[in-house]
Protein backbone atom coordinates (compact mmCIF):
# COMPACT_ATOMS: atom_id res chain seq x y z
CA UNK A 1 97.78 121.18 152.03
CA UNK A 2 100.41 121.29 149.39
CA UNK A 3 102.86 118.05 149.88
CA UNK A 4 106.57 117.98 148.61
CA UNK A 5 106.54 115.23 145.84
CA UNK A 6 108.40 112.44 148.16
CA UNK A 7 105.55 113.47 150.59
CA UNK A 8 102.55 113.13 148.13
CA UNK A 9 104.47 109.58 146.90
CA UNK A 10 105.06 108.40 150.53
CA UNK A 11 101.38 108.85 151.19
CA UNK A 12 100.14 106.91 148.31
CA UNK A 13 102.46 103.77 149.10
CA UNK A 14 100.63 103.89 152.65
CA UNK A 15 97.18 103.29 150.70
CA UNK A 16 96.63 107.30 152.33
CA UNK A 17 95.40 110.13 150.26
CA UNK A 18 97.71 113.20 149.46
CA UNK A 19 96.80 116.33 147.94
CA UNK A 20 97.04 115.05 144.56
CA UNK A 21 97.48 111.92 142.40
CA UNK A 22 101.86 111.51 142.35
CA UNK A 23 103.04 111.54 138.68
CA UNK A 24 105.43 108.98 137.49
CA UNK A 25 107.18 109.35 134.16
CA UNK A 26 110.74 109.85 132.64
CA UNK A 27 112.09 108.17 135.58
CA UNK A 28 113.45 104.30 133.78
CA UNK A 29 112.94 103.03 130.45
CA UNK A 30 109.58 101.34 131.67
CA UNK A 31 108.42 105.01 132.66
CA UNK A 32 109.88 106.81 129.99
CA UNK A 33 109.47 108.81 127.25
CA UNK A 34 111.27 108.62 123.82
CA UNK A 35 113.86 110.78 122.11
CA UNK A 36 111.29 112.52 119.40
CA UNK A 37 108.61 113.41 122.25
CA UNK A 38 111.11 114.16 124.88
CA UNK A 39 112.41 116.93 121.77
CA UNK A 40 108.98 118.02 120.94
CA UNK A 41 108.08 118.81 124.91
CA UNK A 42 111.47 121.04 124.90
CA UNK A 43 110.19 122.66 121.86
CA UNK A 44 106.98 123.65 123.26
CA UNK A 45 107.92 124.60 127.01
CA UNK A 46 110.98 126.42 125.68
CA UNK A 47 113.27 124.46 127.58
CA UNK A 48 117.39 124.53 126.23
CA UNK A 49 118.93 121.04 127.33
CA UNK A 50 121.13 118.78 125.49
CA UNK A 51 119.74 115.40 124.24
CA UNK A 52 120.89 112.45 126.05
CA UNK A 53 120.31 108.73 126.15
CA UNK A 54 119.25 106.99 129.53
CA UNK A 55 121.96 104.71 130.70
CA UNK A 56 124.03 106.38 127.64
CA UNK A 57 122.40 104.00 125.36
CA UNK A 58 121.48 105.34 122.12
CA UNK A 59 120.00 102.33 120.52
CA UNK A 60 117.71 102.08 123.71
CA UNK A 61 116.26 105.60 122.25
CA UNK A 62 115.11 106.72 125.44
CA UNK A 63 115.85 109.88 127.00
CA UNK A 64 117.60 110.88 129.66
CA UNK A 65 114.76 113.66 130.81
CA UNK A 66 116.70 116.99 131.78
CA UNK A 67 115.62 118.78 135.57
CA UNK A 68 113.45 121.30 133.55
CA UNK A 69 111.66 118.60 131.47
CA UNK A 70 110.90 116.66 134.47
CA UNK A 71 109.71 119.93 136.62
CA UNK A 72 107.54 120.97 133.39
CA UNK A 73 105.94 117.74 133.87
CA UNK A 74 105.39 117.30 137.16
CA UNK A 75 106.58 114.31 137.89
CA UNK A 76 106.90 113.58 141.50
CA UNK A 77 109.76 110.73 141.21
CA UNK A 78 113.44 110.85 140.06
CA UNK A 79 115.38 107.92 139.22
CA UNK A 80 118.99 106.34 140.33
CA UNK A 81 120.13 103.93 137.54
CA UNK A 82 123.30 101.99 137.23
CA UNK A 83 125.27 101.62 133.91
CA UNK A 84 127.11 98.97 131.46
CA UNK A 85 130.60 98.47 132.55
CA UNK A 86 132.84 101.07 131.26
CA UNK A 87 134.31 98.70 128.75
CA UNK A 88 130.77 97.84 127.22
CA UNK A 89 130.11 101.24 126.71
CA UNK A 90 133.26 102.15 125.08
CA UNK A 91 133.52 99.33 123.06
CA UNK A 92 129.90 100.27 121.31
CA UNK A 93 130.48 103.85 121.15
CA UNK A 94 133.69 103.11 119.07
CA UNK A 95 132.15 100.17 116.98
CA UNK A 96 131.83 100.91 113.47
CA UNK A 97 128.31 102.70 112.06
CA UNK A 98 125.42 100.38 112.17
CA UNK A 99 127.23 97.28 113.51
CA UNK A 100 125.72 95.46 116.12
CA UNK A 101 125.04 96.50 119.50
CA UNK A 102 126.37 93.77 122.02
CA UNK A 103 125.57 94.03 125.91
CA UNK A 104 127.81 92.62 128.73
CA UNK A 105 125.77 89.56 128.72
CA UNK A 106 126.94 88.96 124.49
CA UNK A 107 123.32 89.43 123.72
CA UNK A 108 122.63 92.59 121.72
CA UNK A 109 120.45 94.91 119.06
CA UNK A 110 120.68 94.98 115.63
CA UNK A 111 119.72 98.04 113.11
CA UNK A 112 116.55 96.69 111.34
CA UNK A 113 116.60 100.65 110.23
CA UNK A 114 118.20 103.69 110.19
CA UNK A 115 117.86 104.54 113.96
CA UNK A 116 115.95 101.91 114.91
CA UNK A 117 117.32 99.31 116.91
CA UNK A 118 115.62 95.72 117.38
CA UNK A 119 117.01 93.01 119.94
CA UNK A 120 118.25 90.22 117.56
CA UNK A 121 121.65 88.50 118.92
CA UNK A 122 120.79 85.06 120.88
CA UNK A 123 124.47 83.97 121.72
CA UNK A 124 122.32 80.99 123.51
CA UNK A 125 119.66 80.14 120.94
CA UNK A 126 120.61 76.42 120.31
CA UNK A 127 120.88 75.83 124.01
CA UNK A 128 119.13 73.07 125.76
CA UNK A 129 121.18 71.50 128.27
CA UNK A 130 122.87 72.36 131.75
CA UNK A 131 126.18 71.86 130.10
CA UNK A 132 125.88 74.70 127.33
CA UNK A 133 125.04 77.15 130.19
CA UNK A 134 128.16 76.54 132.25
CA UNK A 135 130.15 76.38 129.36
CA UNK A 136 129.27 79.65 127.57
CA UNK A 137 132.01 82.28 127.75
CA UNK A 138 130.33 85.53 128.16
CA UNK A 139 128.65 85.82 131.52
CA UNK A 140 128.43 89.58 132.52
CA UNK A 141 131.04 90.57 135.20
CA UNK A 142 128.66 92.11 137.65
CA UNK A 143 130.78 93.01 140.16
CA UNK A 144 132.89 95.61 137.89
CA UNK A 145 132.70 98.76 139.76
CA UNK A 146 132.00 101.00 136.97
CA UNK A 147 128.78 99.57 137.03
CA UNK A 148 127.80 101.37 139.82
CA UNK A 149 130.49 103.66 140.98
CA UNK A 150 127.70 106.86 140.26
CA UNK A 151 125.09 105.60 142.18
CA UNK A 152 125.76 106.68 146.19
CA UNK A 153 126.82 110.00 144.93
CA UNK A 154 123.32 110.41 142.51
CA UNK A 155 121.31 109.22 145.38
CA UNK A 156 122.41 111.51 148.06
CA UNK A 157 122.14 114.16 146.37
CA UNK A 158 118.44 113.88 145.66
CA UNK A 159 118.38 112.29 149.42
CA UNK A 160 119.87 116.09 150.72
CA UNK A 161 117.20 117.50 148.05
CA UNK A 162 114.48 115.58 149.79
CA UNK A 163 112.11 117.07 147.15
CA UNK A 164 111.21 113.95 144.98
CA UNK A 165 110.75 110.21 145.75
CA UNK A 166 113.66 108.17 144.86
CA UNK A 167 113.24 105.00 142.82
CA UNK A 168 116.26 102.88 142.03
CA UNK A 169 116.46 101.56 138.64
CA UNK A 170 119.07 98.62 137.70
CA UNK A 171 118.48 97.90 134.28
CA UNK A 172 117.12 94.35 132.79
CA UNK A 173 117.69 92.86 136.06
CA UNK A 174 114.80 89.88 135.53
CA UNK A 175 115.19 86.69 134.62
CA UNK A 176 112.20 86.03 132.10
CA UNK A 177 113.41 88.94 129.91
CA UNK A 178 116.91 88.13 130.04
CA UNK A 179 116.59 84.75 129.26
CA UNK A 180 114.32 85.70 126.27
CA UNK A 181 117.40 88.00 125.17
CA UNK A 182 119.96 84.96 125.61
CA UNK A 183 117.56 82.43 123.81
CA UNK A 184 115.28 84.44 121.87
CA UNK A 185 111.81 84.39 123.02
CA UNK A 186 110.27 81.51 120.89
CA UNK A 187 113.35 79.35 121.92
CA UNK A 188 113.09 80.37 125.31
CA UNK A 189 109.25 79.57 125.55
CA UNK A 190 109.96 76.33 124.06
CA UNK A 191 112.65 75.37 126.47
CA UNK A 192 109.89 76.26 129.23
CA UNK A 193 107.52 73.77 127.71
CA UNK A 194 109.93 70.89 126.70
CA UNK A 195 113.30 71.11 129.06
CA UNK A 196 111.77 72.62 132.01
CA UNK A 197 115.06 71.62 134.12
CA UNK A 198 117.11 73.30 131.74
CA UNK A 199 114.87 76.48 131.58
CA UNK A 200 114.79 76.62 135.65
CA UNK A 201 118.45 76.20 135.53
CA UNK A 202 118.77 79.27 132.84
CA UNK A 203 116.22 81.61 135.13
CA UNK A 204 118.56 80.88 138.14
CA UNK A 205 121.81 81.36 136.82
CA UNK A 206 120.35 84.19 135.31
CA UNK A 207 118.83 85.64 138.53
CA UNK A 208 122.48 84.67 140.49
CA UNK A 209 123.66 87.37 138.51
CA UNK A 210 121.15 90.13 138.99
CA UNK A 211 121.47 89.38 142.78
CA UNK A 212 125.21 90.64 142.95
CA UNK A 213 124.54 93.76 140.90
CA UNK A 214 121.33 94.14 142.96
CA UNK A 215 123.19 93.60 145.98
CA UNK A 216 125.98 95.93 145.17
CA UNK A 217 123.50 98.76 143.72
CA UNK A 218 121.68 98.60 147.47
CA UNK A 219 124.94 99.02 148.85
CA UNK A 220 125.56 102.45 147.20
CA UNK A 221 122.28 103.62 147.72
CA UNK A 222 122.34 102.85 151.73
CA UNK A 223 118.94 104.57 153.24
CA UNK A 224 118.80 106.74 150.07
CA UNK A 225 115.89 104.88 148.28
CA UNK A 226 112.07 104.86 148.73
CA UNK A 227 110.95 102.25 145.43
CA UNK A 228 113.44 99.74 143.92
CA UNK A 229 112.04 99.24 140.20
CA UNK A 230 112.46 95.02 138.97
CA UNK A 231 109.77 93.41 136.83
CA UNK A 232 109.51 90.94 134.07
CA UNK A 233 106.87 91.26 130.95
CA UNK A 234 104.71 88.29 131.91
CA UNK A 235 101.62 89.43 129.65
CA UNK A 236 100.26 89.61 126.07
CA UNK A 237 96.99 91.77 125.03
CA UNK A 238 94.84 89.42 125.36
CA UNK A 239 96.31 86.80 127.75
CA UNK A 240 99.88 85.74 129.64
CA UNK A 241 102.70 84.32 127.64
CA UNK A 242 102.94 81.05 130.16
CA UNK A 243 99.65 79.28 131.88
CA UNK A 244 99.91 80.44 135.41
CA UNK A 245 100.58 77.16 136.42
CA UNK A 246 103.99 77.59 134.80
CA UNK A 247 104.79 80.63 136.15
CA UNK A 248 104.04 79.24 139.90
CA UNK A 249 106.42 76.06 139.23
CA UNK A 250 108.97 77.76 137.10
CA UNK A 251 109.08 81.99 137.66
CA UNK A 252 107.62 82.94 140.89
CA UNK A 253 109.83 81.04 143.31
CA UNK A 254 112.82 83.06 141.32
CA UNK A 255 110.57 86.38 141.92
CA UNK A 256 110.07 85.62 145.25
CA UNK A 257 113.71 85.00 146.36
CA UNK A 258 114.52 88.00 144.25
CA UNK A 259 112.07 89.99 146.18
CA UNK A 260 113.01 88.76 149.72
CA UNK A 261 116.98 88.93 148.75
CA UNK A 262 115.74 92.85 148.12
CA UNK A 263 113.67 93.32 151.10
CA UNK A 264 116.28 91.73 153.27
CA UNK A 265 118.48 95.12 152.77
CA UNK A 266 115.92 97.85 152.42
CA UNK A 267 113.08 99.00 153.40
CA UNK A 268 112.05 100.44 150.08
CA UNK A 269 109.29 99.51 148.14
CA UNK A 270 109.39 97.03 145.29
CA UNK A 271 107.73 98.34 142.08
CA UNK A 272 106.93 95.22 139.58
CA UNK A 273 106.90 95.88 135.81
CA UNK A 274 104.79 93.54 133.97
CA UNK A 275 103.01 94.75 130.08
CA UNK A 276 100.04 92.84 129.41
CA UNK A 277 96.99 91.28 130.77
CA UNK A 278 98.50 89.92 134.21
CA UNK A 279 95.11 89.96 136.32
CA UNK A 280 95.77 86.27 136.68
CA UNK A 281 98.81 86.48 138.52
CA UNK A 282 98.12 89.84 140.73
CA UNK A 283 97.32 87.93 143.85
CA UNK A 284 100.98 85.63 143.11
CA UNK A 285 102.34 89.26 143.02
CA UNK A 286 100.81 90.32 146.28
CA UNK A 287 101.94 87.15 147.92
CA UNK A 288 105.51 87.44 147.04
CA UNK A 289 106.02 91.21 148.60
CA UNK A 290 105.27 93.49 145.49
CA UNK A 291 103.96 96.93 146.80
CA UNK A 292 103.85 98.65 143.40
CA UNK A 293 102.38 97.11 140.01
CA UNK A 294 103.01 98.77 136.82
CA UNK A 295 102.13 99.77 134.22
CA UNK A 296 98.02 98.75 134.49
CA UNK A 297 97.81 98.29 130.93
CA UNK A 298 94.50 98.93 130.23
CA UNK A 299 94.00 98.01 126.94
CA UNK A 300 94.96 94.38 127.64
CA UNK A 301 92.29 91.55 128.56
CA UNK A 302 90.84 92.05 131.98
CA UNK A 303 93.36 94.74 132.86
CA UNK A 304 91.23 97.16 131.53
CA UNK A 305 88.90 96.69 134.07
CA UNK A 306 89.52 99.39 136.45
CA UNK A 307 86.76 99.15 138.87
CA UNK A 308 87.51 95.54 139.42
CA UNK A 309 90.73 95.96 140.14
CA UNK A 310 90.32 98.72 142.76
CA UNK A 311 87.76 96.25 144.70
CA UNK A 312 89.91 92.91 144.62
CA UNK A 313 93.16 94.57 144.46
CA UNK A 314 93.30 97.98 146.05
CA UNK A 315 93.73 97.55 149.45
CA UNK A 316 96.83 95.42 148.74
CA UNK A 317 99.19 96.82 145.88
CA UNK A 318 99.37 100.05 144.47
CA UNK A 319 98.57 100.72 141.05
CA UNK A 320 101.17 102.45 138.91
CA UNK A 321 100.58 103.86 135.53
CA UNK A 322 96.93 103.19 133.60
CA UNK A 323 97.15 105.76 130.49
CA UNK A 324 96.66 103.92 127.19
CA UNK A 325 99.89 104.13 125.25
CA UNK A 326 98.27 102.10 122.93
CA UNK A 327 95.41 104.24 120.91
CA UNK A 328 94.67 106.98 123.76
CA UNK A 329 98.05 108.61 123.68
CA UNK A 330 99.44 108.49 120.18
CA UNK A 331 96.21 108.83 118.12
CA UNK A 332 93.61 110.60 120.69
CA UNK A 333 93.27 114.31 120.78
CA UNK A 334 94.03 116.54 123.54
CA UNK A 335 90.58 116.54 125.08
CA UNK A 336 90.20 112.99 124.44
CA UNK A 337 93.74 112.14 126.86
CA UNK A 338 92.42 114.81 129.50
CA UNK A 339 89.06 112.87 129.63
CA UNK A 340 91.00 109.35 129.98
CA UNK A 341 93.05 110.70 132.31
CA UNK A 342 90.05 111.57 134.76
CA UNK A 343 88.37 108.44 133.84
CA UNK A 344 91.41 106.43 135.36
CA UNK A 345 91.41 108.93 138.35
CA UNK A 346 88.41 108.03 139.14
CA UNK A 347 88.12 104.34 139.20
CA UNK A 348 91.82 104.14 140.67
CA UNK A 349 92.39 107.18 143.42
CA UNK A 350 89.78 107.24 145.89
CA UNK A 351 91.62 106.28 149.13
CA UNK A 352 95.35 106.78 147.66
CA UNK A 353 97.32 103.91 146.35
CA UNK A 354 97.37 104.93 142.53
CA UNK A 355 99.94 106.71 140.92
CA UNK A 356 99.25 107.93 136.84
CA UNK A 357 101.96 107.58 134.11
CA UNK A 358 101.58 106.23 130.28
CA UNK A 359 101.43 102.74 130.11
CA UNK A 360 105.43 101.99 129.69
CA UNK A 361 107.42 104.19 127.20
CA UNK A 362 106.25 107.23 125.74
CA UNK A 363 106.89 105.92 122.02
CA UNK A 364 107.93 108.10 119.16
CA UNK A 365 104.26 108.16 117.83
CA UNK A 366 103.10 109.88 120.53
CA UNK A 367 102.20 113.73 120.14
CA UNK A 368 104.19 116.20 122.72
CA UNK A 369 101.01 117.55 122.90
CA UNK A 370 98.72 114.81 124.35
CA UNK A 371 102.30 113.81 127.15
CA UNK A 372 101.13 117.39 128.77
CA UNK A 373 97.66 116.87 128.30
CA UNK A 374 98.48 114.06 130.39
CA UNK A 375 100.11 115.75 132.92
CA UNK A 376 98.27 118.47 133.19
CA UNK A 377 95.11 116.63 133.50
CA UNK A 378 96.81 115.23 136.79
CA UNK A 379 97.07 118.67 137.72
CA UNK A 380 93.26 119.15 137.45
CA UNK A 381 91.64 116.18 138.14
CA UNK A 382 93.75 114.58 140.90
CA UNK A 383 93.25 116.77 143.37
CA UNK A 384 92.10 115.55 146.54
CA UNK A 385 89.32 115.24 147.75
CA UNK A 386 88.90 113.96 143.90
CA UNK A 387 86.02 115.33 142.34
CA UNK A 388 83.40 112.97 140.21
């Protein structure tokens, strides 16, 4: 029996088998496509659509994927996003070429090569006291209406169509990553160890601003949302960035409070993004109310053991992602991509509870042919009942 994309996703979120494994691609920065492979897909598919950037943010480099391309990619989810305040957008649009790109928090990106930007502006890099946090003059205005002025109309349009699952994705609402942006990763990780009271205060202050924006965002969405994406990158290729105990002491209470805040205001499922080997924290994620874990970085430590992931956690959390963007997507052949999709579906797909996508954003080194091979392989191998 054929399902709509939304029905397909909702069935999987209920840990049941739909007609095929859902595909999540092109929806947010974490599930997105950089501009170069996006242009390649359009060229191959004969799609004539303008090049636009997600969040109206060229320095991010992630494409705002047009509807025809989303359909070609068989994506079962559509996104509703916020924006930086209009004043911030105008300032960056009108700045001199190659000047630093500063966001509404006062942090920002520098151009490391022509057209390539990297986080390099950390306004609180030297701060170690709560007084310095209180005296920082550039905390953002999360009540600026231009951040969410479009949200209600975008969500309502998708809900009226009732074709695709709706994933709402406020940008960078994540305390750990935002602390890195404000201090730099090395400085903040050191402060977590040396000045834990300061680190906790910074995380809690950031979370307060995040909750203000999330509350306004959810008010605009109303009931027109199925999934809320949040997250914090906590893993590396081989381990965690911080110890499990440090996570539980400093960051887990903030994540738990943020998820409680969201779930008190919506019935939407919580999609939590964290790259790297986060295997030691999955039980914690389940305990604090995470419904969907992304991106299942199969090149990283214990996250590569998909059979163990499915056996231990598959009844309590939905897996999203799984297709390796470290080696297979950028360097594999079309056939290798197809077989990797088949392998991941065979291990994670039985019984439902799995959505397929690339591990994080599809970067510029990925051939567009491999992206199309990935999504077409889901159509081929992801039909239920699964063939082994």
